[in-house]
Amino acid sequence: MHLFKTIENIQNTKYELIEDLPEDGIAIFNYDNDYVKPLADKTKKKTYRYGIKDIEKLDVYAKDIRVNEKGSTFTLGIKGLGEISCSSVLLGIHNISNLLAGASAAYVLGFNLEQIKNGIEKVKAVEHRLNIVPSPAGYVVIDDAFNSNPVGFRAALSVIDEFKEGKKIIITPGMVELGAIEEEENYKIGIEIAKVCDYVILVGQKISAPIKRALIDNNFNEDRIFTVKSLNDGTSKLVEIAKAGDVVLFENDLPDNYNEE
C-alpha cells in the first residue's frame, strides 16, 4: 500500500499479468477475495476459481473444514474430478486457501485427485510464516515474523486462538508500509489482539502506539502490556512471562532499513 497508494492501483497492476496472457492462457483466481472477484468476472481468458465460500460457483473448493493447533483437515473438491479427504500440517484456515491455489494449478497441469492430495499433504510450513519453533522452555513459539499485513495478522491471531491451553502472548512492532491507513489498521488489529491475547509485548513506541491505544480502549489489563525498544528486549521480557504450555506469537519484523524517526 505504501508503494501503490490505493487498492485500485494494486488491482490494476496485478491484472496486467492476466492481460498479458496468451490467447490460450489460463487464469486462476481466489474467488473468496472481494478485490480479486471482479477481476475474475471481467476476464475473457479461460479461468478457474477457487475458495471455501459459495462453492457452487467454484472450480476448486474446500469444505468440511476443521482447523486446530496441529493443522487442518478438509474435503478437496474439483469440478470434473470429484472430492477427496485431505489433511495438512499448515496452521490456519487461510493456508487452506493457499493450498487450493496450488491444487488449482495442479489440476490445470493434469494431475489427478490422489496426486493432488499427496502433494498437499507433503507441504511444510515456510520459515517465518506461521511455523512452530521448538522452545527449550516448553512453551509453543509460532514464528510469523515475515512482513505482515492486516489479513495475515488476523490469520495469525486466529491460529493462536485455536490453542486451548496456556496463556497467549504476542510480540509485535505492529504493521508498517500501509500508507495512509497504517494508523487505522494498527488500531483495528489492537482490538483483535485484545480479544485473543493475555499478554502483549510491543516493540518500538511509534508504530505500535495505535495498538496500545486500542488495547486500553477495550479494557485490556495495562499491567499486561509492555513496550520495549528492541526485539532482544522483547525476548527478555518474554522469558519473564512465559511458562511451559503457553503460546507465543512473533508477529511481523520491521525491515532492516526501517527507522521510526
Foldseek 3Di string as FASTA:
>chain_A
DLVQQDLVSVLVVVLVVLVPAPQQDEEEFACVDPSGVVSVVPRPHHYAYEEAPPCVVGQWYWPPWDAALQFIKTWIQGPPAGIDIATERQHFPVVVSVLRSVLVVVVVVPDHPVVSRVVRHPDDDDPQCQDWDDDPQAAIETRVAAQDDLVSLLRSLVRLQRQDWAFEEEEEQAHDSPPPCQLVSLLVVLLVCLVRGLAYEHADPDSNVSSVVSNVVVVRDPVRYHYYHHVVVVVVVCVVPDHRGHYYYYHYDDDPPDDPD
